[in-house]
Protein backbone atom coordinates (compact mmCIF):
# COMPACT_ATOMS: atom_id res chain seq x y z
CA MET A 1 0.00 0.00 0.00
CA GLY A 2 1.31 3.43 -0.90
CA ILE A 3 1.63 6.53 1.22
CA ILE A 4 -1.77 7.89 0.13
CA GLY A 5 -3.43 4.60 1.10
CA THR A 6 -1.66 4.67 4.47
CA ILE A 7 -2.88 8.22 5.11
CA ILE A 8 -6.46 7.31 4.19
CA ILE A 9 -6.42 4.20 6.40
CA GLY A 10 -4.78 6.27 9.17
CA LEU A 11 -7.54 8.86 8.92
CA ILE A 12 -10.24 6.20 9.09
CA VAL A 13 -8.55 4.42 11.99
CA GLY A 14 -7.98 7.72 13.81
CA LEU A 15 -11.63 8.75 13.41
CA ILE A 16 -12.87 5.37 14.63
CA ALA A 17 -10.50 5.51 17.60
CA ARG A 18 -11.66 9.04 18.52
CA PHE A 19 -15.27 7.89 18.28
CA LEU A 20 -14.67 4.84 20.49
CA LYS A 21 -12.50 6.54 23.11
CA PRO A 22 -14.59 8.36 25.71
CA GLY A 23 -13.76 11.91 26.72
CA ASN A 24 -13.11 15.22 25.03
CA ASP A 25 -10.31 15.24 22.46
CA SER A 26 -9.65 18.70 21.11
CA MET A 27 -7.12 17.83 18.43
CA GLY A 28 -7.23 18.61 14.74
CA TRP A 29 -7.32 16.48 11.62
CA ILE A 30 -3.54 16.32 11.30
CA MET A 31 -3.10 14.86 14.78
CA THR A 32 -5.95 12.42 14.13
CA ILE A 33 -4.22 11.21 10.96
CA LEU A 34 -0.83 10.97 12.69
CA LEU A 35 -2.20 8.99 15.64
CA GLY A 36 -4.15 6.77 13.26
CA ILE A 37 -1.06 6.08 11.17
CA GLY A 38 0.96 5.46 14.34
CA GLY A 39 -1.67 3.05 15.64
CA SER A 40 -1.78 1.28 12.29
CA LEU A 41 1.98 0.86 12.17
CA LEU A 42 2.22 -0.16 15.80
CA ALA A 43 -0.49 -2.79 15.52
CA SER A 44 0.43 -4.03 12.05
CA TYR A 45 4.10 -4.62 12.65
CA GLY A 46 3.67 -5.57 16.31
CA GLY A 47 0.93 -8.09 15.60
CA GLN A 48 2.82 -9.60 12.69
CA ALA A 49 6.04 -9.78 14.71
CA LEU A 50 4.20 -11.61 17.49
CA GLY A 51 2.59 -13.94 14.94
CA LEU A 52 -0.96 -12.90 15.85
CA TYR A 53 -2.03 -12.37 12.23
CA GLU A 54 -0.72 -12.10 8.69
CA ALA A 55 -0.53 -8.99 6.52
CA GLY A 56 -3.90 -8.00 5.04
CA GLU A 57 -6.10 -9.83 7.54
CA GLY A 58 -9.11 -8.15 9.16
CA ALA A 59 -7.53 -8.58 12.58
CA GLY A 60 -4.89 -6.09 11.49
CA PHE A 61 -7.51 -3.36 11.05
CA ILE A 62 -8.99 -4.11 14.47
CA GLY A 63 -5.49 -4.08 15.93
CA ALA A 64 -4.82 -0.73 14.24
CA VAL A 65 -7.92 0.76 15.87
CA ILE A 66 -6.85 -0.59 19.27
CA GLY A 67 -3.33 0.75 18.72
CA ALA A 68 -4.72 4.18 17.82
CA ILE A 69 -6.93 4.19 20.93
CA ILE A 70 -3.86 3.39 23.04
CA LEU A 71 -1.99 6.26 21.40
CA LEU A 72 -4.96 8.59 22.02
CA VAL A 73 -4.97 7.68 25.69
CA ILE A 74 -1.21 8.25 25.97
CA TYR A 75 -1.52 11.55 24.07
CA GLY A 76 -4.32 12.65 26.39
CA MET A 77 -2.24 11.80 29.47
CA VAL A 78 0.79 13.70 28.16
CA THR A 79 -1.15 16.81 27.13
CA SER A 80 -3.20 16.92 30.34
CA ARG A 81 -0.02 17.16 32.41
CA LYS A 82 1.05 20.28 30.51
CA HIS A 83 -2.03 22.23 31.64
């Protein structure tokens, strides 16, 4: 998948993660895309390295959403300490 495909999947994953994670997230589209891409990469390569699933399986998308939610929680914890 190319860079444009990764950005689109990252946007979708980021939006789903923001929808599923409770609380107020006041971040923009760019941060949503970046956290979605980060979650996708984290879950894709991590899950494949652990042998949980193969590339292109549906479990990878679910893992990407979970990875993005984890990144959203970490991002929220880091930014809340600054205020």
